[in-house]
Amino acid sequence: RPSYIHLGHAAGSRNAVAGRIHRRMFHGDFIQYVV
């Protein structure tokens, strides 16, 4: 799920991968990123 992904290393996370922000879209209550 998109809402369970952190941008930045969450403490204790066992899955951490490098990425790059491709697109940013403002939706009011949240920001949707294509990474």
All heavy atoms as atom14 arrays in JSON, in Angstrom:
{
  "sequence": "RPSYIHLGHAAGSRNAVAGRIHRRMFHGDFIQYVV",
  "atom14_mask": [
    [1, 1, 1, 1, 1, 1, 1, 1, 1, 1, 1, 0, 0, 0],
    [1, 1, 1, 1, 1, 1, 1, 0, 0, 0, 0, 0, 0, 0],
    [1, 1, 1, 1, 1, 1, 0, 0, 0, 0, 0, 0, 0, 0],
    [1, 1, 1, 1, 1, 1, 1, 1, 1, 1, 1, 1, 0, 0],
    [1, 1, 1, 1, 1, 1, 1, 1, 0, 0, 0, 0, 0, 0],
    [1, 1, 1, 1, 1, 1, 1, 1, 1, 1, 0, 0, 0, 0],
    [1, 1, 1, 1, 1, 1, 1, 1, 0, 0, 0, 0, 0, 0],
    [1, 1, 1, 1, 0, 0, 0, 0, 0, 0, 0, 0, 0, 0],
    [1, 1, 1, 1, 1, 1, 1, 1, 1, 1, 0, 0, 0, 0],
    [1, 1, 1, 1, 1, 0, 0, 0, 0, 0, 0, 0, 0, 0],
    [1, 1, 1, 1, 1, 0, 0, 0, 0, 0, 0, 0, 0, 0],
    [1, 1, 1, 1, 0, 0, 0, 0, 0, 0, 0, 0, 0, 0],
    [1, 1, 1, 1, 1, 1, 0, 0, 0, 0, 0, 0, 0, 0],
    [1, 1, 1, 1, 1, 1, 1, 1, 1, 1, 1, 0, 0, 0],
    [1, 1, 1, 1, 1, 1, 1, 1, 0, 0, 0, 0, 0, 0],
    [1, 1, 1, 1, 1, 0, 0, 0, 0, 0, 0, 0, 0, 0],
    [1, 1, 1, 1, 1, 1, 1, 0, 0, 0, 0, 0, 0, 0],
    [1, 1, 1, 1, 1, 0, 0, 0, 0, 0, 0, 0, 0, 0],
    [1, 1, 1, 1, 0, 0, 0, 0, 0, 0, 0, 0, 0, 0],
    [1, 1, 1, 1, 1, 1, 1, 1, 1, 1, 1, 0, 0, 0],
    [1, 1, 1, 1, 1, 1, 1, 1, 0, 0, 0, 0, 0, 0],
    [1, 1, 1, 1, 1, 1, 1, 1, 1, 1, 0, 0, 0, 0],
    [1, 1, 1, 1, 1, 1, 1, 1, 1, 1, 1, 0, 0, 0],
    [1, 1, 1, 1, 1, 1, 1, 1, 1, 1, 1, 0, 0, 0],
    [1, 1, 1, 1, 1, 1, 1, 1, 0, 0, 0, 0, 0, 0],
    [1, 1, 1, 1, 1, 1, 1, 1, 1, 1, 1, 0, 0, 0],
    [1, 1, 1, 1, 1, 1, 1, 1, 1, 1, 0, 0, 0, 0],
    [1, 1, 1, 1, 0, 0, 0, 0, 0, 0, 0, 0, 0, 0],
    [1, 1, 1, 1, 1, 1, 1, 1, 0, 0, 0, 0, 0, 0],
    [1, 1, 1, 1, 1, 1, 1, 1, 1, 1, 1, 0, 0, 0],
    [1, 1, 1, 1, 1, 1, 1, 1, 0, 0, 0, 0, 0, 0],
    [1, 1, 1, 1, 1, 1, 1, 1, 1, 0, 0, 0, 0, 0],
    [1, 1, 1, 1, 1, 1, 1, 1, 1, 1, 1, 1, 0, 0],
    [1, 1, 1, 1, 1, 1, 1, 0, 0, 0, 0, 0, 0, 0],
    [1, 1, 1, 1, 1, 1, 1, 0, 0, 0, 0, 0, 0, 0]
  ],
  "atom14_positions": [
    [[0.82, -1.2, 0.0], [0.0, 0.0, 0.0], [0.86, 1.26, 0.0], [1.85, 1.34, 0.74], [-0.91, 0.01, 1.23], [-1.89, -1.15, 1.33], [-2.97, -1.06, 0.29], [-4.01, -2.09, 0.49], [-4.95, -2.34, -0.39], [-5.01, -1.67, -1.53], [-5.85, -3.27, -0.17], [0.0, 0.0, 0.0], [0.0, 0.0, 0.0], [0.0, 0.0, 0.0]],
    [[0.48, 2.28, -0.8], [1.26, 3.52, -0.88], [1.43, 4.24, 0.46], [2.46, 4.86, 0.7], [0.45, 4.38, -1.85], [-0.31, 3.41, -2.69], [-0.64, 2.28, -1.77], [0.0, 0.0, 0.0], [0.0, 0.0, 0.0], [0.0, 0.0, 0.0], [0.0, 0.0, 0.0], [0.0, 0.0, 0.0], [0.0, 0.0, 0.0], [0.0, 0.0, 0.0]],
    [[0.44, 4.13, 1.35], [0.5, 4.87, 2.61], [1.42, 4.21, 3.64], [1.72, 4.81, 4.68], [-0.9, 5.02, 3.21], [-1.53, 3.76, 3.31], [0.0, 0.0, 0.0], [0.0, 0.0, 0.0], [0.0, 0.0, 0.0], [0.0, 0.0, 0.0], [0.0, 0.0, 0.0], [0.0, 0.0, 0.0], [0.0, 0.0, 0.0], [0.0, 0.0, 0.0]],
    [[1.9, 2.98, 3.36], [2.78, 2.29, 4.3], [4.25, 2.41, 3.91], [5.11, 1.75, 4.5], [2.39, 0.81, 4.39], [1.05, 0.56, 5.05], [0.28, -0.54, 4.7], [0.56, 1.41, 6.03], [-0.95, -0.79, 5.3], [-0.66, 1.18, 6.64], [-1.42, 0.09, 6.27], [-2.62, -0.15, 6.88], [0.0, 0.0, 0.0], [0.0, 0.0, 0.0]],
    [[4.54, 3.24, 2.93], [5.91, 3.42, 2.47], [6.44, 4.74, 3.01], [5.78, 5.79, 2.9], [5.99, 3.41, 0.94], [5.37, 2.13, 0.37], [7.44, 3.55, 0.47], [5.22, 2.13, -1.14], [0.0, 0.0, 0.0], [0.0, 0.0, 0.0], [0.0, 0.0, 0.0], [0.0, 0.0, 0.0], [0.0, 0.0, 0.0], [0.0, 0.0, 0.0]],
    [[7.63, 4.71, 3.6], [8.28, 5.92, 4.1], [9.3, 6.42, 3.07], [9.92, 5.63, 2.36], [9.01, 5.64, 5.42], [8.09, 5.23, 6.53], [7.41, 6.13, 7.3], [7.75, 3.99, 6.98], [6.67, 5.48, 8.19], [6.87, 4.18, 8.02], [0.0, 0.0, 0.0], [0.0, 0.0, 0.0], [0.0, 0.0, 0.0], [0.0, 0.0, 0.0]],
    [[9.44, 7.72, 3.01], [10.52, 8.32, 2.22], [11.55, 8.84, 3.22], [11.39, 9.88, 3.84], [9.97, 9.46, 1.34], [8.98, 9.01, 0.26], [8.48, 10.19, -0.55], [9.6, 7.96, -0.67], [0.0, 0.0, 0.0], [0.0, 0.0, 0.0], [0.0, 0.0, 0.0], [0.0, 0.0, 0.0], [0.0, 0.0, 0.0], [0.0, 0.0, 0.0]],
    [[12.57, 8.07, 3.39], [13.52, 8.29, 4.48], [13.6, 6.97, 5.23], [12.67, 6.17, 5.22], [0.0, 0.0, 0.0], [0.0, 0.0, 0.0], [0.0, 0.0, 0.0], [0.0, 0.0, 0.0], [0.0, 0.0, 0.0], [0.0, 0.0, 0.0], [0.0, 0.0, 0.0], [0.0, 0.0, 0.0], [0.0, 0.0, 0.0], [0.0, 0.0, 0.0]],
    [[14.71, 6.71, 5.89], [14.9, 5.43, 6.55], [14.14, 5.41, 7.87], [14.5, 6.1, 8.81], [16.39, 5.16, 6.78], [16.71, 3.71, 6.96], [16.11, 2.93, 7.92], [17.55, 2.88, 6.28], [16.56, 1.7, 7.86], [17.45, 1.63, 6.87], [0.0, 0.0, 0.0], [0.0, 0.0, 0.0], [0.0, 0.0, 0.0], [0.0, 0.0, 0.0]],
    [[13.06, 4.62, 7.94], [12.3, 4.47, 9.18], [13.1, 3.6, 10.14], [13.71, 2.6, 9.74], [10.94, 3.84, 8.9], [0.0, 0.0, 0.0], [0.0, 0.0, 0.0], [0.0, 0.0, 0.0], [0.0, 0.0, 0.0], [0.0, 0.0, 0.0], [0.0, 0.0, 0.0], [0.0, 0.0, 0.0], [0.0, 0.0, 0.0], [0.0, 0.0, 0.0]],
    [[13.12, 3.98, 11.42], [13.88, 3.25, 12.43], [13.47, 1.78, 12.46], [12.3, 1.46, 12.53], [13.67, 3.89, 13.79], [0.0, 0.0, 0.0], [0.0, 0.0, 0.0], [0.0, 0.0, 0.0], [0.0, 0.0, 0.0], [0.0, 0.0, 0.0], [0.0, 0.0, 0.0], [0.0, 0.0, 0.0], [0.0, 0.0, 0.0], [0.0, 0.0, 0.0]],
    [[14.47, 0.9, 12.37], [14.21, -0.53, 12.48], [13.69, -1.18, 11.21], [13.43, -2.38, 11.2], [0.0, 0.0, 0.0], [0.0, 0.0, 0.0], [0.0, 0.0, 0.0], [0.0, 0.0, 0.0], [0.0, 0.0, 0.0], [0.0, 0.0, 0.0], [0.0, 0.0, 0.0], [0.0, 0.0, 0.0], [0.0, 0.0, 0.0], [0.0, 0.0, 0.0]],
    [[13.53, -0.43, 10.13], [12.98, -1.0, 8.9], [13.94, -2.03, 8.31], [15.15, -1.83, 8.26], [12.71, 0.1, 7.87], [12.3, -0.47, 6.65], [0.0, 0.0, 0.0], [0.0, 0.0, 0.0], [0.0, 0.0, 0.0], [0.0, 0.0, 0.0], [0.0, 0.0, 0.0], [0.0, 0.0, 0.0], [0.0, 0.0, 0.0], [0.0, 0.0, 0.0]],
    [[13.37, -3.17, 7.88], [14.19, -4.23, 7.29], [14.18, -4.18, 5.76], [14.78, -5.02, 5.1], [13.68, -5.59, 7.79], [14.15, -5.86, 9.22], [13.11, -6.55, 10.06], [12.93, -7.95, 9.69], [12.03, -8.73, 10.28], [11.25, -8.26, 11.23], [11.91, -9.99, 9.9], [0.0, 0.0, 0.0], [0.0, 0.0, 0.0], [0.0, 0.0, 0.0]],
    [[13.44, -3.24, 5.19], [13.46, -3.03, 3.74], [13.78, -1.57, 3.47], [12.96, -0.69, 3.77], [12.09, -3.37, 3.12], [11.81, -4.87, 3.11], [12.67, -5.67, 2.77], [10.61, -5.24, 3.52], [0.0, 0.0, 0.0], [0.0, 0.0, 0.0], [0.0, 0.0, 0.0], [0.0, 0.0, 0.0], [0.0, 0.0, 0.0], [0.0, 0.0, 0.0]],
    [[14.95, -1.3, 2.96], [15.36, 0.07, 2.64], [16.08, 0.06, 1.3], [17.04, -0.71, 1.1], [16.27, 0.65, 3.73], [0.0, 0.0, 0.0], [0.0, 0.0, 0.0], [0.0, 0.0, 0.0], [0.0, 0.0, 0.0], [0.0, 0.0, 0.0], [0.0, 0.0, 0.0], [0.0, 0.0, 0.0], [0.0, 0.0, 0.0], [0.0, 0.0, 0.0]],
    [[15.58, 0.89, 0.36], [16.08, 0.89, -1.01], [16.24, 2.34, -1.48], [15.42, 3.2, -1.14], [15.1, 0.15, -1.96], [15.67, 0.05, -3.35], [14.76, -1.23, -1.42], [0.0, 0.0, 0.0], [0.0, 0.0, 0.0], [0.0, 0.0, 0.0], [0.0, 0.0, 0.0], [0.0, 0.0, 0.0], [0.0, 0.0, 0.0], [0.0, 0.0, 0.0]],
    [[17.27, 2.6, -2.26], [17.46, 3.94, -2.81], [16.48, 4.2, -3.95], [16.15, 3.3, -4.73], [18.9, 4.08, -3.32], [0.0, 0.0, 0.0], [0.0, 0.0, 0.0], [0.0, 0.0, 0.0], [0.0, 0.0, 0.0], [0.0, 0.0, 0.0], [0.0, 0.0, 0.0], [0.0, 0.0, 0.0], [0.0, 0.0, 0.0], [0.0, 0.0, 0.0]],
    [[15.99, 5.44, -4.04], [15.07, 5.81, -5.11], [15.2, 7.29, -5.45], [15.99, 8.02, -4.83], [0.0, 0.0, 0.0], [0.0, 0.0, 0.0], [0.0, 0.0, 0.0], [0.0, 0.0, 0.0], [0.0, 0.0, 0.0], [0.0, 0.0, 0.0], [0.0, 0.0, 0.0], [0.0, 0.0, 0.0], [0.0, 0.0, 0.0], [0.0, 0.0, 0.0]],
    [[14.43, 7.7, -6.43], [14.45, 9.1, -6.86], [13.0, 9.56, -7.11], [12.22, 8.83, -7.73], [15.27, 9.25, -8.15], [15.34, 10.7, -8.68], [15.93, 10.71, -10.09], [17.28, 10.22, -10.12], [18.36, 11.0, -9.99], [18.21, 12.32, -9.83], [19.57, 10.49, -10.04], [0.0, 0.0, 0.0], [0.0, 0.0, 0.0], [0.0, 0.0, 0.0]],
    [[12.67, 10.77, -6.64], [11.33, 11.33, -6.84], [11.15, 11.67, -8.32], [11.86, 12.51, -8.86], [11.1, 12.59, -5.99], [11.31, 12.29, -4.49], [9.69, 13.15, -6.23], [10.33, 11.34, -3.89], [0.0, 0.0, 0.0], [0.0, 0.0, 0.0], [0.0, 0.0, 0.0], [0.0, 0.0, 0.0], [0.0, 0.0, 0.0], [0.0, 0.0, 0.0]],
    [[10.21, 11.0, -8.95], [9.93, 11.25, -10.37], [8.86, 12.31, -10.55], [8.96, 13.18, -11.42], [9.49, 9.93, -11.04], [9.13, 10.07, -12.49], [10.07, 10.15, -13.49], [7.91, 10.17, -13.11], [9.46, 10.28, -14.65], [8.15, 10.29, -14.45], [0.0, 0.0, 0.0], [0.0, 0.0, 0.0], [0.0, 0.0, 0.0], [0.0, 0.0, 0.0]],
    [[7.81, 12.25, -9.73], [6.7, 13.2, -9.85], [6.08, 13.43, -8.47], [6.01, 12.52, -7.65], [5.63, 12.66, -10.81], [4.53, 13.63, -11.16], [4.99, 14.71, -12.12], [5.36, 14.15, -13.42], [6.46, 14.48, -14.07], [7.32, 15.34, -13.53], [6.73, 13.96, -15.26], [0.0, 0.0, 0.0], [0.0, 0.0, 0.0], [0.0, 0.0, 0.0]],
    [[5.63, 14.66, -8.21], [4.94, 15.0, -6.97], [3.6, 15.63, -7.29], [3.52, 16.55, -8.1], [5.79, 15.98, -6.14], [5.19, 16.33, -4.78], [6.08, 17.27, -4.0], [5.97, 18.65, -4.47], [6.76, 19.65, -4.06], [7.73, 19.39, -3.19], [6.58, 20.87, -4.5], [0.0, 0.0, 0.0], [0.0, 0.0, 0.0], [0.0, 0.0, 0.0]],
    [[2.52, 15.11, -6.65], [1.17, 15.62, -6.9], [0.49, 15.93, -5.57], [0.43, 15.07, -4.68], [0.34, 14.6, -7.69], [0.8, 14.43, -9.12], [0.26, 12.86, -9.85], [1.4, 11.72, -9.1], [0.0, 0.0, 0.0], [0.0, 0.0, 0.0], [0.0, 0.0, 0.0], [0.0, 0.0, 0.0], [0.0, 0.0, 0.0], [0.0, 0.0, 0.0]],
    [[-0.03, 17.15, -5.44], [-0.67, 17.6, -4.21], [-2.14, 17.22, -4.22], [-2.87, 17.54, -5.16], [-0.52, 19.12, -4.08], [-1.13, 19.68, -2.83], [-0.54, 19.45, -1.59], [-2.28, 20.45, -2.89], [-1.1, 19.97, -0.43], [-2.85, 20.97, -1.73], [-2.26, 20.74, -0.5], [0.0, 0.0, 0.0], [0.0, 0.0, 0.0], [0.0, 0.0, 0.0]],
    [[-2.61, 16.52, -3.17], [-4.0, 16.07, -3.09], [-4.73, 16.65, -1.89], [-5.82, 16.19, -1.55], [-4.06, 14.54, -3.03], [-3.76, 13.87, -4.32], [-4.73, 13.37, -5.17], [-2.58, 13.61, -4.94], [-4.16, 12.83, -6.24], [-2.86, 12.96, -6.12], [0.0, 0.0, 0.0], [0.0, 0.0, 0.0], [0.0, 0.0, 0.0], [0.0, 0.0, 0.0]],
    [[-4.16, 17.64, -1.23], [-4.82, 18.24, -0.08], [-4.41, 17.54, 1.21], [-3.51, 17.99, 1.92], [0.0, 0.0, 0.0], [0.0, 0.0, 0.0], [0.0, 0.0, 0.0], [0.0, 0.0, 0.0], [0.0, 0.0, 0.0], [0.0, 0.0, 0.0], [0.0, 0.0, 0.0], [0.0, 0.0, 0.0], [0.0, 0.0, 0.0], [0.0, 0.0, 0.0]],
    [[-5.08, 16.43, 1.53], [-4.78, 15.7, 2.76], [-3.49, 14.89, 2.67], [-2.97, 14.44, 3.69], [-5.93, 14.75, 3.12], [-7.19, 15.51, 3.55], [-7.05, 16.68, 3.96], [-8.28, 14.94, 3.47], [0.0, 0.0, 0.0], [0.0, 0.0, 0.0], [0.0, 0.0, 0.0], [0.0, 0.0, 0.0], [0.0, 0.0, 0.0], [0.0, 0.0, 0.0]],
    [[-3.02, 14.64, 1.47], [-1.78, 13.9, 1.31], [-1.08, 14.35, 0.03], [-1.68, 15.0, -0.83], [-2.03, 12.39, 1.29], [-2.86, 11.92, 0.11], [-2.27, 11.55, -1.09], [-4.25, 11.85, 0.22], [-3.04, 11.11, -2.16], [-5.02, 11.41, -0.85], [-4.42, 11.06, -2.03], [0.0, 0.0, 0.0], [0.0, 0.0, 0.0], [0.0, 0.0, 0.0]],
    [[0.19, 14.01, -0.07], [0.96, 14.23, -1.29], [1.27, 12.87, -1.89], [1.72, 11.95, -1.19], [2.26, 15.01, -1.02], [1.92, 16.43, -0.55], [3.13, 15.07, -2.28], [3.13, 17.25, -0.19], [0.0, 0.0, 0.0], [0.0, 0.0, 0.0], [0.0, 0.0, 0.0], [0.0, 0.0, 0.0], [0.0, 0.0, 0.0], [0.0, 0.0, 0.0]],
    [[1.0, 12.72, -3.17], [1.3, 11.46, -3.84], [2.56, 11.62, -4.66], [2.68, 12.53, -5.48], [0.13, 11.03, -4.73], [0.38, 9.7, -5.43], [-0.9, 9.05, -5.88], [-1.78, 8.71, -5.08], [-1.05, 8.86, -7.18], [0.0, 0.0, 0.0], [0.0, 0.0, 0.0], [0.0, 0.0, 0.0], [0.0, 0.0, 0.0], [0.0, 0.0, 0.0]],
    [[3.51, 10.71, -4.43], [4.77, 10.72, -5.16], [4.83, 9.5, -6.08], [4.38, 8.41, -5.72], [5.95, 10.64, -4.19], [6.13, 11.85, -3.31], [5.59, 11.88, -2.02], [6.82, 12.98, -3.75], [5.75, 12.98, -1.2], [6.98, 14.08, -2.94], [6.45, 14.08, -1.66], [6.59, 15.18, -0.86], [0.0, 0.0, 0.0], [0.0, 0.0, 0.0]],
    [[5.38, 9.71, -7.26], [5.79, 8.6, -8.12], [7.3, 8.5, -7.97], [8.02, 9.48, -8.25], [5.4, 8.84, -9.59], [5.87, 7.66, -10.45], [3.9, 9.05, -9.73], [0.0, 0.0, 0.0], [0.0, 0.0, 0.0], [0.0, 0.0, 0.0], [0.0, 0.0, 0.0], [0.0, 0.0, 0.0], [0.0, 0.0, 0.0], [0.0, 0.0, 0.0]],
    [[7.78, 7.37, -7.49], [9.19, 7.22, -7.14], [9.82, 6.14, -8.01], [9.32, 5.01, -8.09], [9.36, 6.87, -5.65], [10.83, 6.82, -5.27], [8.61, 7.86, -4.76], [0.0, 0.0, 0.0], [0.0, 0.0, 0.0], [0.0, 0.0, 0.0], [0.0, 0.0, 0.0], [0.0, 0.0, 0.0], [0.0, 0.0, 0.0], [0.0, 0.0, 0.0]]
  ]
}
